[in-house]
C-alpha atoms as a PDB file:
ATOM      1  CA  MET A   1      -7.558  14.374  -3.389  1.00  0.00           C
ATOM      2  CA  LEU A   2      -7.826  10.472  -3.390  1.00  0.00           C
ATOM      3  CA  LYS A   3      -9.626   9.174  -6.475  1.00  0.00           C
ATOM      4  CA  HIS A   4     -11.476   5.988  -6.975  1.00  0.00           C
ATOM      5  CA  LYS A   5      -9.591   3.750  -3.927  1.00  0.00           C
ATOM      6  CA  LYS A   6      -6.579   3.830  -6.736  1.00  0.00           C
ATOM      7  CA  TYR A   7      -4.470   4.638  -3.535  1.00  0.00           C
ATOM      8  CA  LEU A   8      -3.829   2.571  -0.542  1.00  0.00           C
ATOM      9  CA  TYR A   9      -1.566   3.686   2.412  1.00  0.00           C
ATOM     10  CA  VAL A  10       0.322   0.616   4.241  1.00  0.00           C
ATOM     11  CA  ASP A  11       1.483   1.512   8.095  1.00  0.00           C
ATOM     12  CA  SER A  12       4.684  -0.065   8.728  1.00  0.00           C
ATOM     13  CA  GLY A  13       5.253   0.853  12.290  1.00  0.00           C
ATOM     14  CA  LYS A  14       7.723   3.759  11.603  1.00  0.00           C
ATOM     15  CA  TYR A  15       6.120   5.167   8.568  1.00  0.00           C
ATOM     16  CA  LEU A  16       3.288   5.165   6.236  1.00  0.00           C
ATOM     17  CA  ILE A  17       3.857   3.733   2.748  1.00  0.00           C
ATOM     18  CA  LYS A  18       1.817   5.246  -0.398  1.00  0.00           C
ATOM     19  CA  VAL A  19       0.734   2.297  -2.830  1.00  0.00           C
ATOM     20  CA  ARG A  20      -0.956   2.397  -5.702  1.00  0.00           C
ATOM     21  CA  LYS A  21      -3.306  -0.804  -6.127  1.00  0.00           C
ATOM     22  CA  LEU A  22      -4.568  -2.092  -9.600  1.00  0.00           C
ATOM     23  CA  LYS A  23      -8.370  -3.092  -9.721  1.00  0.00           C
ATOM     24  CA  ASN A  24      -7.966  -5.385 -12.649  1.00  0.00           C
ATOM     25  CA  LYS A  25      -5.644  -7.982 -10.759  1.00  0.00           C
ATOM     26  CA  ASP A  26      -5.941 -10.684  -7.968  1.00  0.00           C
ATOM     27  CA  GLU A  27      -5.887  -8.879  -4.432  1.00  0.00           C
ATOM     28  CA  ASN A  28      -3.375 -11.459  -3.580  1.00  0.00           C
ATOM     29  CA  SER A  29      -1.008 -10.977  -6.415  1.00  0.00           C
ATOM     30  CA  PRO A  30       2.326  -9.024  -5.370  1.00  0.00           C
ATOM     31  CA  ASP A  31       1.794  -7.416  -9.079  1.00  0.00           C
ATOM     32  CA  THR A  32      -1.424  -5.705  -7.637  1.00  0.00           C
ATOM     33  CA  TYR A  33       0.409  -3.247  -5.711  1.00  0.00           C
ATOM     34  CA  ILE A  34       3.097  -0.781  -6.768  1.00  0.00           C
ATOM     35  CA  VAL A  35       4.880   1.000  -4.290  1.00  0.00           C
ATOM     36  CA  ILE A  36       5.124   4.770  -4.969  1.00  0.00           C
ATOM     37  CA  SER A  37       6.707   6.493  -1.854  1.00  0.00           C
ATOM     38  CA  LYS A  38       7.047   7.156   1.996  1.00  0.00           C
ATOM     39  CA  VAL A  39       4.752   9.270   3.253  1.00  0.00           C
ATOM     40  CA  VAL A  40       5.222  11.468   6.521  1.00  0.00           C
ATOM     41  CA  ARG A  41       1.901  12.608   7.563  1.00  0.00           C
ATOM     42  CA  LYS A  42      -1.132  10.715   7.638  1.00  0.00           C
ATOM     43  CA  PRO A  43      -3.842  11.668   4.782  1.00  0.00           C
ATOM     44  CA  ARG A  44      -7.360  12.602   6.046  1.00  0.00           C
ATOM     45  CA  ASN A  45      -9.756  10.320   4.059  1.00  0.00           C
ATOM     46  CA  ALA A  46      -7.564   7.461   2.783  1.00  0.00           C
ATOM     47  CA  GLU A  47      -7.879   3.606   3.427  1.00  0.00           C
ATOM     48  CA  ILE A  48      -4.905   2.490   5.796  1.00  0.00           C
ATOM     49  CA  LYS A  49      -3.739  -0.931   6.562  1.00  0.00           C
ATOM     50  CA  LYS A  50      -1.238  -2.641   8.609  1.00  0.00           C
ATOM     51  CA  LEU A  51       1.494  -4.256   6.859  1.00  0.00           C
ATOM     52  CA  ASP A  52       0.828  -7.618   8.555  1.00  0.00           C
ATOM     53  CA  ASP A  53      -2.812  -7.515   7.030  1.00  0.00           C
ATOM     54  CA  LEU A  54      -1.519  -7.986   3.564  1.00  0.00           C
ATOM     55  CA  PRO A  55      -0.452 -11.359   2.085  1.00  0.00           C
ATOM     56  CA  ILE A  56       2.982 -12.413   2.484  1.00  0.00           C
ATOM     57  CA  GLU A  57       3.968 -12.004  -1.248  1.00  0.00           C
ATOM     58  CA  VAL A  58       2.819  -8.507  -1.154  1.00  0.00           C
ATOM     59  CA  LYS A  59       4.578  -7.806   2.360  1.00  0.00           C
ATOM     60  CA  ASP A  60       8.244  -8.654   0.849  1.00  0.00           C
ATOM     61  CA  LYS A  61       7.653  -6.833  -2.398  1.00  0.00           C
ATOM     62  CA  ILE A  62       6.912  -3.861  -0.524  1.00  0.00           C
ATOM     63  CA  MET A  63       9.708  -4.475   1.758  1.00  0.00           C
ATOM     64  CA  LYS A  64      12.240  -4.918  -0.896  1.00  0.00           C
ATOM     65  CA  SER A  65      11.257  -1.857  -2.504  1.00  0.00           C
ATOM     66  CA  LEU A  66      11.944   0.374   0.051  1.00  0.00           C
END
């Protein structure tokens, strides 16, 4: 169950990446997003964004953590 849009799923092309999104910080800041894990199946009611839609700093942080 998704609670209050705390989690965001990022589509990297091969798999989905579960990311925790902190609401108190700037959306373009890499500190706003914390990578949790890779996900194999697509969740029903989740917000899914493409990796290209995220800011460059955030994209780099996600790719380094994998």
